[in-house]
Amino acid sequence: MYRSLEYGDTARVISPSDAVEYRLGTVTDVRYSTPHTTYALRYTLRFPNGDERTYPAAIVRRATRADDRADLETALTKAAEAVRDACRIAHDYDADLSTGTASLLRRLVDLASLRLGLTLDPTNPAWPLTRDQDGGDQ
């Protein structure tokens, strides 16, 4: 069942048009279709930089930090896969490029591990695994 956003909920703009709209916003105002309904027409979001913007309800979705974590895991995994593939190609193309992409891949793997507890093993096709899934802290 659909539940409209309320004051204090966190949300995202569905199709962001600038850098601010990619950030997680907090609902600061809800405009309803009539005074005695829960059908929202517009939401005002306050972003971490202090900007407040009003959007039609149809282009705003509920989002939480847990959603952000899942999105970050997906994005970092895709990025690491792309850099891993580039690293394999660069190995035969240019030694310096190969070294640079290997270094970038190592930094992505370390970042995912240190900040999210995500184990990205470029040699293992079953990656990523979280610390809980792989059985230990790194």
N, C-alpha and C. Protein backbone atom coordinates (compact mmCIF):
# COMPACT_ATOMS: atom_id res chain seq x y z
N MET A 1 0.84 -1.19 0.00
CA MET A 1 0.00 0.00 0.00
C MET A 1 0.88 1.25 0.00
N TYR A 2 0.51 2.23 -0.76
CA TYR A 2 1.27 3.47 -0.85
C TYR A 2 1.03 4.32 0.39
N ARG A 3 2.10 4.81 0.96
CA ARG A 3 2.02 5.73 2.08
C ARG A 3 2.78 6.98 1.67
N SER A 4 2.09 8.12 1.77
CA SER A 4 2.76 9.35 1.37
C SER A 4 3.89 9.67 2.35
N LEU A 5 4.82 10.44 1.87
CA LEU A 5 5.92 10.89 2.72
C LEU A 5 5.39 11.87 3.74
N GLU A 6 6.06 11.92 4.86
CA GLU A 6 5.68 12.83 5.93
C GLU A 6 6.88 13.69 6.32
N TYR A 7 6.60 14.74 7.05
CA TYR A 7 7.65 15.62 7.55
C TYR A 7 8.73 14.79 8.25
N GLY A 8 9.98 15.00 7.87
CA GLY A 8 11.10 14.30 8.48
C GLY A 8 11.54 13.05 7.75
N ASP A 9 10.72 12.52 6.83
CA ASP A 9 11.13 11.37 6.04
C ASP A 9 12.26 11.77 5.10
N THR A 10 13.04 10.78 4.67
CA THR A 10 14.09 11.05 3.70
C THR A 10 13.65 10.55 2.33
N ALA A 11 14.08 11.27 1.30
CA ALA A 11 13.62 10.97 -0.05
C ALA A 11 14.65 11.40 -1.08
N ARG A 12 14.45 10.90 -2.30
CA ARG A 12 15.29 11.27 -3.43
C ARG A 12 14.41 11.71 -4.59
N VAL A 13 14.99 12.55 -5.43
CA VAL A 13 14.36 12.93 -6.68
C VAL A 13 14.60 11.75 -7.64
N ILE A 14 13.55 11.29 -8.32
CA ILE A 14 13.67 10.10 -9.16
C ILE A 14 14.63 10.29 -10.32
N SER A 15 14.55 11.40 -11.00
CA SER A 15 15.46 11.69 -12.13
C SER A 15 16.18 13.00 -11.85
N PRO A 16 17.29 12.95 -11.11
CA PRO A 16 18.00 14.17 -10.74
C PRO A 16 18.50 14.93 -11.97
N SER A 17 18.42 16.26 -11.89
CA SER A 17 18.88 17.09 -13.01
C SER A 17 20.15 17.87 -12.68
N ASP A 18 20.57 17.87 -11.42
CA ASP A 18 21.83 18.52 -11.06
C ASP A 18 22.43 17.80 -9.84
N ALA A 19 23.62 18.20 -9.46
CA ALA A 19 24.35 17.51 -8.39
C ALA A 19 23.61 17.50 -7.06
N VAL A 20 22.91 18.58 -6.74
CA VAL A 20 22.18 18.67 -5.47
C VAL A 20 21.10 17.60 -5.40
N GLU A 21 20.40 17.37 -6.50
CA GLU A 21 19.28 16.44 -6.51
C GLU A 21 19.70 14.97 -6.39
N TYR A 22 20.99 14.69 -6.51
CA TYR A 22 21.47 13.33 -6.28
C TYR A 22 21.58 13.02 -4.79
N ARG A 23 21.53 14.04 -3.97
CA ARG A 23 21.69 13.88 -2.52
C ARG A 23 20.38 13.43 -1.87
N LEU A 24 20.50 12.84 -0.70
CA LEU A 24 19.35 12.42 0.07
C LEU A 24 18.75 13.66 0.73
N GLY A 25 17.47 13.91 0.46
CA GLY A 25 16.79 15.08 1.02
C GLY A 25 15.86 14.69 2.15
N THR A 26 15.56 15.67 3.00
CA THR A 26 14.62 15.48 4.10
C THR A 26 13.36 16.27 3.79
N VAL A 27 12.20 15.64 3.96
CA VAL A 27 10.93 16.30 3.70
C VAL A 27 10.70 17.37 4.76
N THR A 28 10.52 18.62 4.32
CA THR A 28 10.26 19.72 5.25
C THR A 28 8.85 20.28 5.10
N ASP A 29 8.17 19.89 4.02
CA ASP A 29 6.79 20.35 3.83
C ASP A 29 6.08 19.41 2.88
N VAL A 30 4.80 19.19 3.15
CA VAL A 30 3.95 18.38 2.28
C VAL A 30 2.73 19.20 1.93
N ARG A 31 2.44 19.30 0.64
CA ARG A 31 1.23 19.99 0.18
C ARG A 31 0.24 18.95 -0.31
N TYR A 32 -0.92 18.93 0.33
CA TYR A 32 -1.94 17.93 0.01
C TYR A 32 -2.96 18.50 -0.98
N SER A 33 -3.69 17.59 -1.64
CA SER A 33 -4.68 18.02 -2.63
C SER A 33 -5.84 18.76 -1.98
N THR A 34 -6.25 18.32 -0.80
CA THR A 34 -7.28 19.00 -0.01
C THR A 34 -6.87 18.94 1.45
N PRO A 35 -7.45 19.78 2.28
CA PRO A 35 -7.04 19.80 3.69
C PRO A 35 -7.26 18.48 4.45
N HIS A 36 -8.21 17.66 4.02
CA HIS A 36 -8.54 16.46 4.78
C HIS A 36 -8.26 15.18 4.00
N THR A 37 -7.10 15.14 3.39
CA THR A 37 -6.71 13.96 2.62
C THR A 37 -5.24 13.65 2.88
N THR A 38 -4.82 12.45 2.49
CA THR A 38 -3.41 12.09 2.59
C THR A 38 -2.77 12.02 1.21
N TYR A 39 -3.49 12.47 0.18
CA TYR A 39 -2.95 12.47 -1.18
C TYR A 39 -2.07 13.70 -1.35
N ALA A 40 -0.76 13.47 -1.43
CA ALA A 40 0.19 14.57 -1.55
C ALA A 40 0.33 15.03 -2.99
N LEU A 41 0.36 16.33 -3.19
CA LEU A 41 0.62 16.91 -4.51
C LEU A 41 2.09 17.27 -4.69
N ARG A 42 2.70 17.85 -3.63
CA ARG A 42 4.08 18.32 -3.71
C ARG A 42 4.80 18.08 -2.38
N TYR A 43 6.11 17.91 -2.52
CA TYR A 43 6.98 17.79 -1.35
C TYR A 43 8.08 18.83 -1.45
N THR A 44 8.42 19.42 -0.32
CA THR A 44 9.60 20.27 -0.25
C THR A 44 10.69 19.47 0.44
N LEU A 45 11.85 19.39 -0.20
CA LEU A 45 12.99 18.65 0.35
C LEU A 45 14.10 19.62 0.71
N ARG A 46 14.73 19.38 1.85
CA ARG A 46 15.94 20.12 2.23
C ARG A 46 17.11 19.17 2.03
N PHE A 47 18.08 19.64 1.26
CA PHE A 47 19.26 18.85 0.95
C PHE A 47 20.38 19.18 1.93
N PRO A 48 21.39 18.31 2.04
CA PRO A 48 22.48 18.54 3.00
C PRO A 48 23.20 19.87 2.85
N ASN A 49 23.19 20.48 1.67
CA ASN A 49 23.86 21.77 1.49
C ASN A 49 22.97 22.94 1.93
N GLY A 50 21.74 22.65 2.39
CA GLY A 50 20.83 23.69 2.86
C GLY A 50 19.78 24.12 1.85
N ASP A 51 19.95 23.75 0.59
CA ASP A 51 18.95 24.09 -0.43
C ASP A 51 17.62 23.43 -0.10
N GLU A 52 16.54 24.17 -0.31
CA GLU A 52 15.19 23.61 -0.21
C GLU A 52 14.53 23.78 -1.57
N ARG A 53 13.96 22.67 -2.05
CA ARG A 53 13.30 22.68 -3.35
C ARG A 53 11.98 21.92 -3.26
N THR A 54 11.01 22.39 -4.03
CA THR A 54 9.69 21.77 -4.03
C THR A 54 9.49 21.01 -5.34
N TYR A 55 8.95 19.79 -5.23
CA TYR A 55 8.77 18.90 -6.37
C TYR A 55 7.37 18.33 -6.38
N PRO A 56 6.84 18.02 -7.58
CA PRO A 56 5.59 17.26 -7.64
C PRO A 56 5.81 15.89 -6.97
N ALA A 57 4.81 15.38 -6.29
CA ALA A 57 4.94 14.12 -5.57
C ALA A 57 5.36 12.97 -6.48
N ALA A 58 4.95 13.00 -7.72
CA ALA A 58 5.23 11.91 -8.65
C ALA A 58 6.71 11.74 -8.97
N ILE A 59 7.54 12.76 -8.73
CA ILE A 59 8.96 12.64 -9.07
C ILE A 59 9.86 12.49 -7.85
N VAL A 60 9.25 12.20 -6.70
CA VAL A 60 10.00 12.00 -5.46
C VAL A 60 9.70 10.60 -4.95
N ARG A 61 10.75 9.91 -4.48
CA ARG A 61 10.54 8.58 -3.90
C ARG A 61 11.17 8.50 -2.52
N ARG A 62 10.58 7.68 -1.70
CA ARG A 62 11.12 7.43 -0.36
C ARG A 62 12.49 6.78 -0.51
N ALA A 63 13.44 7.18 0.30
CA ALA A 63 14.79 6.60 0.28
C ALA A 63 15.38 6.73 1.68
N THR A 64 16.18 5.76 2.04
CA THR A 64 16.83 5.76 3.36
C THR A 64 18.33 5.56 3.18
N ARG A 65 19.04 5.65 4.29
CA ARG A 65 20.48 5.38 4.25
C ARG A 65 20.74 3.91 3.89
N ALA A 66 19.84 3.02 4.27
CA ALA A 66 19.99 1.61 3.88
C ALA A 66 19.88 1.47 2.36
N ASP A 67 18.97 2.23 1.75
CA ASP A 67 18.87 2.24 0.29
C ASP A 67 20.17 2.76 -0.32
N ASP A 68 20.71 3.81 0.30
CA ASP A 68 21.97 4.39 -0.18
C ASP A 68 23.09 3.35 -0.12
N ARG A 69 23.14 2.60 0.96
CA ARG A 69 24.18 1.59 1.10
C ARG A 69 24.07 0.56 -0.02
N ALA A 70 22.87 0.10 -0.28
CA ALA A 70 22.67 -0.89 -1.35
C ALA A 70 23.09 -0.31 -2.70
N ASP A 71 22.74 0.95 -2.95
CA ASP A 71 23.13 1.61 -4.19
C ASP A 71 24.64 1.77 -4.29
N LEU A 72 25.28 2.10 -3.16
CA LEU A 72 26.74 2.24 -3.15
C LEU A 72 27.41 0.89 -3.42
N GLU A 73 26.91 -0.17 -2.80
CA GLU A 73 27.48 -1.49 -3.04
C GLU A 73 27.39 -1.86 -4.52
N THR A 74 26.24 -1.60 -5.12
CA THR A 74 26.04 -1.90 -6.53
C THR A 74 26.98 -1.07 -7.41
N ALA A 75 27.05 0.23 -7.13
CA ALA A 75 27.89 1.13 -7.94
C ALA A 75 29.37 0.78 -7.83
N LEU A 76 29.85 0.53 -6.60
CA LEU A 76 31.27 0.19 -6.43
C LEU A 76 31.60 -1.16 -7.04
N THR A 77 30.68 -2.09 -6.96
CA THR A 77 30.90 -3.41 -7.57
C THR A 77 31.00 -3.28 -9.08
N LYS A 78 30.07 -2.53 -9.69
CA LYS A 78 30.12 -2.33 -11.14
C LYS A 78 31.39 -1.59 -11.55
N ALA A 79 31.77 -0.58 -10.77
CA ALA A 79 32.99 0.17 -11.09
C ALA A 79 34.21 -0.74 -11.00
N ALA A 80 34.28 -1.55 -9.97
CA ALA A 80 35.43 -2.45 -9.81
C ALA A 80 35.47 -3.49 -10.93
N GLU A 81 34.31 -3.99 -11.35
CA GLU A 81 34.27 -4.94 -12.47
C GLU A 81 34.79 -4.28 -13.75
N ALA A 82 34.37 -3.04 -13.98
CA ALA A 82 34.81 -2.33 -15.18
C ALA A 82 36.32 -2.07 -15.14
N VAL A 83 36.83 -1.66 -13.98
CA VAL A 83 38.26 -1.39 -13.86
C VAL A 83 39.05 -2.71 -13.96
N ARG A 84 38.51 -3.78 -13.38
CA ARG A 84 39.16 -5.09 -13.50
C ARG A 84 39.30 -5.47 -14.98
N ASP A 85 38.23 -5.31 -15.74
CA ASP A 85 38.27 -5.65 -17.17
C ASP A 85 39.25 -4.74 -17.91
N ALA A 86 39.26 -3.45 -17.56
CA ALA A 86 40.21 -2.52 -18.18
C ALA A 86 41.65 -2.91 -17.83
N CYS A 87 41.84 -3.37 -16.62
CA CYS A 87 43.18 -3.78 -16.17
C CYS A 87 43.68 -4.95 -17.02
N ARG A 88 42.80 -5.88 -17.30
CA ARG A 88 43.18 -7.04 -18.11
C ARG A 88 43.56 -6.61 -19.54
N ILE A 89 42.81 -5.66 -20.08
CA ILE A 89 43.10 -5.17 -21.43
C ILE A 89 44.39 -4.36 -21.42
N ALA A 90 44.56 -3.50 -20.41
CA ALA A 90 45.73 -2.63 -20.33
C ALA A 90 47.02 -3.43 -20.18
N HIS A 91 46.92 -4.63 -19.61
CA HIS A 91 48.11 -5.46 -19.40
C HIS A 91 48.85 -5.70 -20.72
N ASP A 92 48.10 -5.90 -21.79
CA ASP A 92 48.72 -6.15 -23.11
C ASP A 92 48.93 -4.87 -23.91
N TYR A 93 48.35 -3.77 -23.45
CA TYR A 93 48.39 -2.53 -24.23
C TYR A 93 49.58 -1.65 -23.88
N ASP A 94 49.77 -1.41 -22.56
CA ASP A 94 50.80 -0.47 -22.13
C ASP A 94 51.14 -0.75 -20.66
N ALA A 95 52.40 -0.89 -20.36
CA ALA A 95 52.82 -1.25 -19.00
C ALA A 95 52.42 -0.20 -17.97
N ASP A 96 52.60 1.07 -18.30
CA ASP A 96 52.24 2.13 -17.34
C ASP A 96 50.72 2.19 -17.13
N LEU A 97 49.97 2.03 -18.20
CA LEU A 97 48.51 2.01 -18.08
C LEU A 97 48.06 0.80 -17.26
N SER A 98 48.71 -0.32 -17.45
CA SER A 98 48.40 -1.53 -16.69
C SER A 98 48.66 -1.30 -15.20
N THR A 99 49.77 -0.69 -14.87
CA THR A 99 50.11 -0.40 -13.48
C THR A 99 49.10 0.56 -12.87
N GLY A 100 48.74 1.58 -13.62
CA GLY A 100 47.77 2.57 -13.12
C GLY A 100 46.39 1.98 -12.89
N THR A 101 45.91 1.15 -13.81
CA THR A 101 44.58 0.56 -13.61
C THR A 101 44.60 -0.46 -12.49
N ALA A 102 45.70 -1.19 -12.34
CA ALA A 102 45.81 -2.14 -11.22
C ALA A 102 45.78 -1.38 -9.89
N SER A 103 46.44 -0.23 -9.85
CA SER A 103 46.43 0.59 -8.64
C SER A 103 45.03 1.12 -8.34
N LEU A 104 44.34 1.57 -9.38
CA LEU A 104 42.97 2.05 -9.21
C LEU A 104 42.06 0.94 -8.71
N LEU A 105 42.20 -0.25 -9.26
CA LEU A 105 41.40 -1.39 -8.80
C LEU A 105 41.69 -1.70 -7.35
N ARG A 106 42.95 -1.67 -6.96
CA ARG A 106 43.32 -1.93 -5.56
C ARG A 106 42.69 -0.90 -4.62
N ARG A 107 42.68 0.36 -5.05
CA ARG A 107 42.06 1.42 -4.23
C ARG A 107 40.56 1.22 -4.10
N LEU A 108 39.88 0.81 -5.19
CA LEU A 108 38.44 0.52 -5.12
C LEU A 108 38.15 -0.63 -4.17
N VAL A 109 38.95 -1.69 -4.27
CA VAL A 109 38.77 -2.85 -3.39
C VAL A 109 38.98 -2.45 -1.93
N ASP A 110 40.02 -1.68 -1.66
CA ASP A 110 40.29 -1.22 -0.29
C ASP A 110 39.19 -0.31 0.23
N LEU A 111 38.72 0.61 -0.59
CA LEU A 111 37.65 1.52 -0.18
C LEU A 111 36.38 0.74 0.18
N ALA A 112 36.00 -0.19 -0.67
CA ALA A 112 34.80 -1.00 -0.42
C ALA A 112 34.94 -1.78 0.88
N SER A 113 36.12 -2.30 1.14
CA SER A 113 36.35 -3.07 2.35
C SER A 113 36.36 -2.19 3.61
N LEU A 114 37.12 -1.11 3.55
CA LEU A 114 37.28 -0.26 4.74
C LEU A 114 36.02 0.51 5.10
N ARG A 115 35.29 1.03 4.12
CA ARG A 115 34.15 1.91 4.41
C ARG A 115 32.80 1.20 4.43
N LEU A 116 32.68 0.05 3.70
CA LEU A 116 31.38 -0.62 3.62
C LEU A 116 31.42 -2.07 4.11
N GLY A 117 32.62 -2.58 4.39
CA GLY A 117 32.72 -3.97 4.80
C GLY A 117 32.44 -4.93 3.65
N LEU A 118 32.63 -4.48 2.44
CA LEU A 118 32.35 -5.25 1.24
C LEU A 118 33.64 -5.88 0.76
N THR A 119 33.62 -7.19 0.53
CA THR A 119 34.80 -7.87 0.02
C THR A 119 34.68 -8.02 -1.49
N LEU A 120 35.51 -7.30 -2.20
CA LEU A 120 35.56 -7.40 -3.65
C LEU A 120 36.84 -8.15 -4.01
N ASP A 121 36.70 -9.33 -4.55
CA ASP A 121 37.86 -10.13 -4.95
C ASP A 121 37.85 -10.25 -6.47
N PRO A 122 38.67 -9.47 -7.15
CA PRO A 122 38.65 -9.46 -8.61
C PRO A 122 38.94 -10.82 -9.24
N THR A 123 39.55 -11.74 -8.49
CA THR A 123 39.84 -13.06 -9.05
C THR A 123 38.71 -14.05 -8.82
N ASN A 124 37.70 -13.66 -8.01
CA ASN A 124 36.60 -14.55 -7.67
C ASN A 124 35.34 -14.11 -8.39
N PRO A 125 34.76 -14.97 -9.23
CA PRO A 125 33.55 -14.58 -9.96
C PRO A 125 32.32 -14.40 -9.06
N ALA A 126 32.38 -14.85 -7.83
CA ALA A 126 31.22 -14.75 -6.93
C ALA A 126 31.20 -13.45 -6.13
N TRP A 127 32.12 -12.53 -6.38
CA TRP A 127 32.13 -11.28 -5.62
C TRP A 127 30.96 -10.43 -5.98
N PRO A 128 30.48 -9.50 -5.18
CA PRO A 128 30.99 -9.11 -3.87
C PRO A 128 30.38 -9.93 -2.74
N LEU A 129 31.07 -9.95 -1.65
CA LEU A 129 30.56 -10.53 -0.41
C LEU A 129 30.73 -9.51 0.70
N THR A 130 29.77 -9.46 1.62
CA THR A 130 29.94 -8.60 2.78
C THR A 130 30.74 -9.35 3.82
N ARG A 131 31.21 -8.66 4.84
CA ARG A 131 31.95 -9.33 5.92
C ARG A 131 31.12 -10.45 6.53
N ASP A 132 29.81 -10.20 6.68
CA ASP A 132 28.93 -11.22 7.27
C ASP A 132 28.85 -12.46 6.38
N GLN A 133 28.88 -12.29 5.09
CA GLN A 133 28.75 -13.42 4.17
C GLN A 133 30.05 -14.20 4.04
N ASP A 134 31.20 -13.53 4.15
CA ASP A 134 32.45 -14.26 3.93
C ASP A 134 33.03 -14.79 5.24
N GLY A 135 32.38 -14.51 6.36
CA GLY A 135 32.75 -15.15 7.61
C GLY A 135 33.81 -14.49 8.45
N GLY A 136 34.18 -13.25 8.18
CA GLY A 136 35.17 -12.64 9.05
C GLY A 136 35.42 -11.20 8.73
N ASP A 137 36.09 -10.54 9.68
CA ASP A 137 36.49 -9.14 9.48
C ASP A 137 37.82 -9.12 8.79
N GLN A 138 37.98 -8.17 7.92
CA GLN A 138 39.23 -8.04 7.17
C GLN A 138 40.16 -7.11 7.89
